[in-house]
Amino acid sequence: MDALHAWAWRPDGPAPATADGPLSGFVLGVKDVIDVAGMPTRCGSPLTAPDPAAADAPAVARLRAAGAVIAGKTRCTEWALNDPAPTISPFDADRTPGGSSAGSAVAVATGGCTATLDTQTAGDVVRPAAYNGVVGLKPTAGWATAAGGRAVAPSIDTLGVLARHVRDAAAVAAAIADHPGRFAPPGRAAAPRIGVLRDPFTDRVGDAVRACLARAVRAFSAAGADVHDVSTGVDLAAVHAAHRVITFAECASLHRRRYRDHAERYGPRARELIERGLGTSARDLQEAGAVRRDAAERLGSLLEGLDALLVPAVPEPAPPRATTGDSRLQIPWTLCGLPSLALPAGTAGPLPLGVQLVAARNAEPELIAAAAWCERVLGT
């Protein structure tokens, strides 16, 4: 019985593995915006058909070829947007499990599967990972084909992975990636070079998150990491605003015809997003693109000298379930196509807390090695 509503669809029993490979023994969930042959893709919406997909998305086919078993489809928010999913947090039923990959995070956190295949457009992997005490890996934009999935904002959307441990997330990513070598499971790497972001954008976090980050910094320093404060020189608030402009416009374009005919069957937050997107001017979109390009260049220069940038994953522990949480601290890296990873780092009462590691484009070897080192130090 799926009392926490983590699963959108499961067969009577997972199909047996059809191949031996590096993921033999892995049982995986797939976010319900990605096609799995024989399973419906409903996107959390009543506007989708219950018919099973005819073929696997390429990423799913790669998982099967690597020996993984697909256990079913995990629940997500409607169209992977901002209306909460029915999924319940295993830590506090009155708190959000996050979004849009709510069911995936809960399925992994409760042992329902080894890992999940997901998507991120804002903080859809990193945020639910932080709220549920699991690892969330969002690699560099374009690291693997997103064909066979339902897009939110095609110029931003990126596949991601949720798992209990860094090594499992890396193994799943390696099976999917166009360049698998970037995701080799980490060995015992040397202590990393970590920059701690000190910026007004990250100052507005709660006391529990601030204390969690400080504990992590002390632990990493004591274990031998080269830890020092850094500033980006980028207006991250402007990057956040640019993300909204681009996401809303691209999403509205995808939904324009369906929304025209069935607006009343969209959730209230989805309607608001699409309405704003439909009103986006060409000039606003052009200016947002310029902000994005400038930020990506500047952040790339900063990150070249680091194994990882350390920032809070979320500003507060999981808020009430009427929302999917605050994506502010995940958005800049997502918009700029940078790889990021959420790592469990403590609790606030019963609620998990996480930190976030960010790396330069295509620097997954450094990110994964740093994350595995941090994971050992934190004992998570």
Protein backbone atom coordinates (compact mmCIF):
# COMPACT_ATOMS: atom_id res chain seq x y z
CA MET A 1 0.00 0.00 0.00
CA ASP A 2 1.35 3.44 -0.97
CA ALA A 3 0.11 5.42 2.04
CA LEU A 4 2.43 8.35 1.25
CA HIS A 5 1.28 8.59 -2.39
CA ALA A 6 4.82 8.41 -3.70
CA TRP A 7 3.88 6.33 -6.72
CA ALA A 8 1.72 7.37 -9.66
CA TRP A 9 1.68 3.92 -11.23
CA ARG A 10 3.19 0.54 -10.40
CA PRO A 11 2.74 -2.85 -12.02
CA ASP A 12 1.71 -5.79 -9.86
CA GLY A 13 5.42 -6.54 -9.53
CA PRO A 14 8.52 -4.99 -11.08
CA ALA A 15 9.61 -6.61 -14.30
CA PRO A 16 12.72 -8.75 -14.00
CA ALA A 17 15.98 -7.29 -15.22
CA THR A 18 16.70 -8.09 -18.83
CA ALA A 19 20.45 -7.47 -18.72
CA ASP A 20 23.43 -7.80 -16.44
CA GLY A 21 25.40 -4.63 -15.90
CA PRO A 22 26.58 -1.96 -13.50
CA LEU A 23 23.04 -1.37 -12.23
CA SER A 24 22.19 -5.01 -11.55
CA GLY A 25 20.30 -5.05 -8.26
CA PHE A 26 19.11 -1.43 -8.64
CA VAL A 27 15.35 -0.90 -8.43
CA LEU A 28 14.44 2.45 -9.95
CA GLY A 29 11.48 4.79 -10.07
CA VAL A 30 10.88 7.15 -12.99
CA LYS A 31 9.24 10.54 -12.57
CA ASP A 32 5.85 10.59 -14.22
CA VAL A 33 6.86 13.03 -16.95
CA ILE A 34 9.23 10.50 -18.58
CA ASP A 35 8.04 7.63 -20.78
CA VAL A 36 8.41 4.02 -19.67
CA ALA A 37 7.16 1.40 -22.09
CA GLY A 38 3.94 -0.20 -20.88
CA MET A 39 3.31 2.47 -18.24
CA PRO A 40 1.17 5.61 -18.60
CA THR A 41 2.74 9.08 -18.48
CA ARG A 42 0.20 11.26 -16.69
CA CYS A 43 2.30 14.29 -15.61
CA GLY A 44 0.07 14.69 -12.57
CA SER A 45 -2.68 16.05 -14.82
CA PRO A 46 -6.25 14.93 -15.59
CA LEU A 47 -5.69 16.18 -19.15
CA THR A 48 -3.37 13.29 -20.01
CA ALA A 49 -4.50 9.90 -21.29
CA PRO A 50 -4.11 6.69 -19.25
CA ASP A 51 -2.74 4.81 -22.25
CA PRO A 52 0.66 3.16 -21.72
CA ALA A 53 3.69 4.59 -23.48
CA ALA A 54 4.74 2.63 -26.55
CA ALA A 55 8.48 2.91 -25.93
CA ASP A 56 11.02 3.81 -23.28
CA ALA A 57 12.56 7.24 -23.24
CA PRO A 58 16.24 6.88 -24.26
CA ALA A 59 17.41 7.43 -20.67
CA VAL A 60 15.10 4.67 -19.43
CA ALA A 61 16.32 2.33 -22.16
CA ARG A 62 19.89 2.97 -21.01
CA LEU A 63 18.94 2.17 -17.42
CA ARG A 64 17.44 -1.16 -18.47
CA ALA A 65 20.49 -1.96 -20.59
CA ALA A 66 22.65 -1.38 -17.51
CA GLY A 67 20.66 -4.00 -15.58
CA ALA A 68 18.23 -1.83 -13.61
CA VAL A 69 14.66 -2.86 -12.83
CA ILE A 70 11.99 -0.18 -13.31
CA ALA A 71 9.59 -0.38 -10.36
CA GLY A 72 7.07 2.20 -11.59
CA LYS A 73 6.29 5.90 -12.10
CA THR A 74 6.72 8.33 -9.20
CA ARG A 75 4.28 11.14 -8.54
CA CYS A 76 5.07 14.69 -9.50
CA THR A 77 3.37 18.05 -9.33
CA GLU A 78 0.92 18.85 -12.14
CA TRP A 79 2.95 19.28 -15.36
CA ALA A 80 6.04 19.49 -13.08
CA LEU A 81 4.95 23.02 -12.08
CA ASN A 82 4.04 24.52 -8.70
CA ASP A 83 0.72 23.00 -7.60
CA PRO A 84 1.58 20.52 -4.82
CA ALA A 85 1.45 16.81 -5.53
CA PRO A 86 -0.63 14.52 -3.30
CA THR A 87 2.57 12.97 -1.93
CA ILE A 88 2.98 13.11 1.87
CA SER A 89 6.25 13.79 3.68
CA PRO A 90 7.41 10.79 5.71
CA PHE A 91 8.86 13.19 8.29
CA ASP A 92 5.81 15.38 8.98
CA ALA A 93 2.49 14.93 7.19
CA ASP A 94 1.79 18.66 7.50
CA ARG A 95 4.98 19.63 5.64
CA THR A 96 5.71 19.58 1.93
CA PRO A 97 7.87 16.83 0.43
CA GLY A 98 8.92 19.42 -2.15
CA GLY A 99 8.41 19.50 -5.87
CA SER A 100 8.21 18.79 -8.58
CA SER A 101 9.85 15.39 -7.92
CA ALA A 102 7.88 14.84 -4.71
CA GLY A 103 7.11 11.17 -5.15
CA SER A 104 10.66 10.34 -6.18
CA ALA A 105 12.21 11.87 -3.07
CA VAL A 106 9.75 10.10 -0.77
CA ALA A 107 10.17 6.77 -2.57
CA VAL A 108 13.94 6.95 -2.16
CA ALA A 109 13.80 8.23 1.44
CA THR A 110 11.50 5.40 2.54
CA GLY A 111 13.42 2.63 0.76
CA GLY A 112 10.83 2.11 -1.96
CA CYS A 113 13.56 2.11 -4.59
CA THR A 114 17.32 2.51 -4.94
CA ALA A 115 17.14 5.70 -6.97
CA THR A 116 14.93 7.64 -9.36
CA LEU A 117 15.21 9.33 -12.74
CA ASP A 118 13.88 12.90 -12.61
CA THR A 119 13.90 16.34 -14.19
CA GLN A 120 14.82 19.80 -12.93
CA THR A 121 13.78 23.18 -14.31
CA ALA A 122 14.10 25.21 -11.10
CA GLY A 123 14.94 23.11 -8.03
CA ASP A 124 12.87 20.03 -8.77
CA VAL A 125 15.60 17.52 -7.79
CA VAL A 126 17.71 19.46 -5.28
CA ARG A 127 14.84 20.83 -3.19
CA PRO A 128 12.92 17.59 -2.54
CA ALA A 129 16.26 15.88 -1.89
CA ALA A 130 17.00 18.42 0.85
CA TYR A 131 13.51 18.14 2.35
CA ASN A 132 13.67 14.34 2.46
CA GLY A 133 17.27 13.69 3.52
CA VAL A 134 18.52 12.12 0.28
CA VAL A 135 21.08 12.95 -2.41
CA GLY A 136 19.89 14.92 -5.44
CA LEU A 137 22.19 15.19 -8.47
CA LYS A 138 21.41 17.69 -11.25
CA PRO A 139 24.25 17.45 -13.81
CA THR A 140 25.37 19.96 -16.44
CA ALA A 141 22.66 20.96 -18.88
CA GLY A 142 22.65 18.65 -21.90
CA TRP A 143 24.49 15.81 -20.16
CA ALA A 144 21.95 13.27 -21.40
CA THR A 145 19.09 13.37 -23.85
CA ALA A 146 15.73 14.40 -22.40
CA ALA A 147 13.79 12.91 -25.33
CA GLY A 148 10.74 10.94 -24.27
CA GLY A 149 9.92 13.41 -21.50
CA ARG A 150 7.37 16.21 -21.14
CA ALA A 151 9.14 19.55 -21.15
CA VAL A 152 8.55 22.53 -18.87
CA ALA A 153 11.08 24.97 -20.33
CA PRO A 154 13.18 23.22 -22.98
CA SER A 155 16.17 25.57 -22.81
CA ILE A 156 16.51 24.87 -19.05
CA ASP A 157 15.15 21.36 -18.40
CA THR A 158 17.76 18.86 -17.25
CA LEU A 159 17.53 15.21 -16.22
CA GLY A 160 18.56 14.44 -12.64
CA VAL A 161 18.87 11.58 -10.18
CA LEU A 162 17.74 11.05 -6.58
CA ALA A 163 19.41 8.36 -4.45
CA ARG A 164 20.33 7.58 -0.86
CA HIS A 165 24.09 7.91 -1.45
CA VAL A 166 26.43 9.76 -3.79
CA ARG A 167 27.86 6.54 -5.22
CA ASP A 168 24.40 5.32 -6.26
CA ALA A 169 23.48 8.65 -7.85
CA ALA A 170 26.78 8.58 -9.76
CA ALA A 171 26.22 5.01 -10.93
CA VAL A 172 22.75 5.80 -12.26
CA ALA A 173 24.01 8.95 -13.97
CA ALA A 174 26.87 7.02 -15.58
CA ALA A 175 24.39 4.58 -17.10
CA ILE A 176 22.34 7.41 -18.64
CA ALA A 177 25.04 9.90 -19.65
CA ASP A 178 26.15 10.64 -23.17
CA HIS A 179 29.69 10.72 -21.70
CA PRO A 180 29.62 8.10 -18.91
CA GLY A 181 33.21 8.65 -17.76
CA ARG A 182 32.25 11.95 -16.16
CA PHE A 183 30.14 10.04 -13.64
CA ALA A 184 32.47 7.26 -12.56
CA PRO A 185 31.66 6.23 -8.97
CA PRO A 186 34.05 8.11 -6.70
CA GLY A 187 37.03 6.59 -4.94
CA ARG A 188 38.65 8.06 -1.85
CA ALA A 189 39.50 11.45 -3.27
CA ALA A 190 41.78 14.01 -1.65
CA ALA A 191 40.24 16.73 0.48
CA PRO A 192 38.53 19.17 -1.90
CA ARG A 193 38.80 22.91 -2.49
CA ILE A 194 35.48 24.35 -1.36
CA GLY A 195 34.31 27.93 -1.73
CA VAL A 196 31.60 29.01 0.72
CA LEU A 197 29.34 31.51 -1.00
CA ARG A 198 28.92 34.73 0.99
CA ASP A 199 26.38 36.82 -0.85
CA PRO A 200 23.26 38.82 0.05
CA PHE A 201 21.31 36.30 -2.02
CA THR A 202 22.18 33.52 0.45
CA ASP A 203 21.92 35.61 3.62
CA ARG A 204 18.14 35.31 3.87
CA VAL A 205 18.05 31.84 5.36
CA GLY A 206 16.61 30.67 8.64
CA ASP A 207 18.57 30.00 11.80
CA ALA A 208 18.40 26.21 11.42
CA VAL A 209 19.83 26.33 7.89
CA ARG A 210 22.49 28.86 8.89
CA ALA A 211 23.59 26.63 11.79
CA CYS A 212 23.58 23.53 9.55
CA LEU A 213 25.82 25.24 6.99
CA ALA A 214 28.20 26.46 9.71
CA ARG A 215 28.50 22.94 11.15
CA ALA A 216 29.28 21.55 7.72
CA VAL A 217 31.95 24.21 7.10
CA ARG A 218 33.60 23.43 10.44
CA ALA A 219 33.52 19.69 9.76
CA PHE A 220 35.01 20.05 6.29
CA SER A 221 37.75 22.37 7.52
CA ALA A 222 38.62 20.08 10.41
CA ALA A 223 38.86 17.12 8.02
CA GLY A 224 41.41 18.92 5.84
CA ALA A 225 39.42 20.61 3.07
CA ASP A 226 40.67 23.91 1.69
CA VAL A 227 37.63 25.99 2.66
CA HIS A 228 37.39 29.72 2.08
CA ASP A 229 34.73 32.36 1.52
CA VAL A 230 33.97 33.54 -2.01
CA SER A 231 31.72 36.09 -3.69
CA THR A 232 30.34 35.69 -7.19
CA GLY A 233 30.13 39.30 -8.31
CA VAL A 234 26.84 38.27 -9.96
CA ASP A 235 23.44 39.74 -9.12
CA LEU A 236 21.85 36.41 -8.24
CA ALA A 237 18.49 38.06 -7.60
CA ALA A 238 18.51 39.24 -11.23
CA VAL A 239 19.37 35.69 -12.33
CA HIS A 240 16.39 34.43 -10.36
CA ALA A 241 14.12 36.97 -12.07
CA ALA A 242 15.50 36.04 -15.50
CA HIS A 243 14.75 32.38 -14.80
CA ARG A 244 11.11 33.20 -14.13
CA VAL A 245 10.78 35.16 -17.37
CA ILE A 246 12.33 32.41 -19.50
CA THR A 247 10.57 29.52 -17.74
CA PHE A 248 7.14 31.14 -17.82
CA ALA A 249 7.43 32.11 -21.50
CA GLU A 250 8.69 28.71 -22.67
CA CYS A 251 6.15 26.82 -20.57
CA ALA A 252 3.27 29.00 -21.80
CA SER A 253 4.32 28.38 -25.40
CA LEU A 254 4.17 24.61 -24.87
CA HIS A 255 0.76 24.75 -23.18
CA ARG A 256 -0.83 27.51 -25.27
CA ARG A 257 -3.29 25.39 -27.24
CA ARG A 258 -4.19 23.00 -24.43
CA TYR A 259 -4.58 25.88 -21.97
CA ARG A 260 -6.85 27.77 -24.38
CA ASP A 261 -9.25 24.83 -24.45
CA HIS A 262 -8.95 23.56 -20.87
CA ALA A 263 -7.75 26.41 -18.61
CA GLU A 264 -10.22 25.41 -15.87
CA ARG A 265 -8.58 21.98 -15.58
CA TYR A 266 -5.18 23.41 -14.63
CA GLY A 267 -4.24 24.03 -11.01
CA PRO A 268 -4.20 27.62 -9.73
CA ARG A 269 -0.41 27.98 -9.67
CA ALA A 270 -0.08 26.48 -13.13
CA ARG A 271 -2.69 28.91 -14.43
CA GLU A 272 -0.86 31.85 -12.91
CA LEU A 273 2.46 30.75 -14.41
CA ILE A 274 1.01 30.22 -17.87
CA GLU A 275 -0.90 33.51 -17.82
CA ARG A 276 2.28 35.37 -16.93
CA GLY A 277 4.18 33.53 -19.61
CA LEU A 278 1.60 34.38 -22.25
CA GLY A 279 2.11 38.05 -21.40
CA THR A 280 5.90 37.98 -21.73
CA SER A 281 7.24 40.45 -24.27
CA ALA A 282 10.01 39.69 -26.73
CA ARG A 283 12.09 42.43 -25.12
CA ASP A 284 11.72 40.91 -21.64
CA LEU A 285 12.76 37.53 -22.98
CA GLN A 286 15.76 39.03 -24.76
CA GLU A 287 16.91 40.86 -21.61
CA ALA A 288 16.49 37.72 -19.51
CA GLY A 289 18.63 35.80 -21.98
CA ALA A 290 21.37 38.42 -21.70
CA VAL A 291 21.33 38.12 -17.90
CA ARG A 292 21.58 34.36 -18.23
CA ARG A 293 24.58 34.45 -20.57
CA ASP A 294 26.47 36.99 -18.46
CA ALA A 295 25.85 35.07 -15.23
CA ALA A 296 26.90 31.76 -16.78
CA GLU A 297 30.19 33.26 -17.93
CA ARG A 298 30.98 34.90 -14.58
CA LEU A 299 29.99 31.91 -12.48
CA GLY A 300 32.00 29.65 -14.74
CA SER A 301 35.12 31.75 -14.14
CA LEU A 302 34.62 31.63 -10.37
CA LEU A 303 34.07 27.87 -10.28
CA GLU A 304 37.12 26.97 -12.35
CA GLY A 305 39.31 27.38 -9.29
CA LEU A 306 37.13 25.23 -7.02
CA ASP A 307 36.10 21.62 -6.73
CA ALA A 308 32.75 22.84 -5.44
CA LEU A 309 30.90 25.91 -4.28
CA LEU A 310 29.03 25.33 -1.01
CA VAL A 311 25.63 26.99 -0.58
CA PRO A 312 22.47 26.16 1.38
CA ALA A 313 20.16 23.83 -0.53
CA VAL A 314 17.00 25.50 0.79
CA PRO A 315 16.42 28.59 2.97
CA GLU A 316 14.30 26.78 5.58
CA PRO A 317 13.29 23.25 6.55
CA ALA A 318 10.27 21.97 4.64
CA PRO A 319 7.39 24.47 4.90
CA PRO A 320 3.67 23.58 5.13
CA ARG A 321 2.38 21.34 2.36
CA ALA A 322 0.29 24.06 0.68
CA THR A 323 3.48 24.93 -1.20
CA THR A 324 6.31 22.95 -2.81
CA GLY A 325 8.91 25.13 -1.05
CA ASP A 326 11.33 27.88 -2.01
CA SER A 327 13.43 27.31 -5.15
CA ARG A 328 15.44 30.53 -4.83
CA LEU A 329 18.73 28.86 -3.84
CA GLN A 330 18.62 26.28 -6.62
CA ILE A 331 17.58 28.46 -9.56
CA PRO A 332 20.80 30.36 -10.48
CA TRP A 333 22.79 27.18 -11.08
CA THR A 334 19.93 25.55 -12.97
CA LEU A 335 19.42 28.51 -15.28
CA CYS A 336 23.16 28.69 -16.03
CA GLY A 337 23.37 24.96 -16.73
CA LEU A 338 25.81 24.24 -13.88
CA PRO A 339 25.90 20.87 -12.11
CA SER A 340 24.70 20.82 -8.52
CA LEU A 341 24.17 18.23 -5.84
CA ALA A 342 22.11 18.23 -2.63
CA LEU A 343 23.66 16.35 0.28
CA PRO A 344 21.99 15.50 3.61
CA ALA A 345 23.66 17.50 6.38
CA GLY A 346 21.54 17.36 9.52
CA THR A 347 18.06 17.90 10.89
CA ALA A 348 15.87 20.55 12.47
CA GLY A 349 13.76 18.49 14.83
CA PRO A 350 12.33 15.69 12.65
CA LEU A 351 12.92 17.59 9.41
CA PRO A 352 15.98 16.90 7.25
CA LEU A 353 18.36 19.66 6.19
CA GLY A 354 20.78 19.63 3.29
CA VAL A 355 23.64 21.56 1.79
CA GLN A 356 24.25 22.10 -1.91
CA LEU A 357 27.47 21.72 -3.87
CA VAL A 358 27.84 23.46 -7.25
CA ALA A 359 30.61 22.97 -9.82
CA ALA A 360 31.75 24.31 -13.18
CA ARG A 361 30.14 23.06 -16.38
CA ASN A 362 31.10 19.45 -17.18
CA ALA A 363 33.04 19.22 -13.90
CA GLU A 364 31.04 16.25 -12.63
CA PRO A 365 34.22 14.29 -11.72
CA GLU A 366 35.22 17.05 -9.31
CA LEU A 367 31.67 17.53 -8.02
CA ILE A 368 31.06 13.84 -7.37
CA ALA A 369 34.45 13.32 -5.74
CA ALA A 370 33.92 16.36 -3.51
CA ALA A 371 30.39 15.25 -2.63
CA ALA A 372 31.53 11.71 -1.74
CA TRP A 373 34.28 13.17 0.46
CA CYS A 374 31.79 15.49 2.17
CA GLU A 375 29.35 12.63 2.61
CA ARG A 376 31.99 10.58 4.46
CA VAL A 377 32.90 13.53 6.68
CA LEU A 378 29.27 14.22 7.58
CA GLY A 379 28.56 10.53 8.11
CA THR A 380 25.37 10.64 6.04
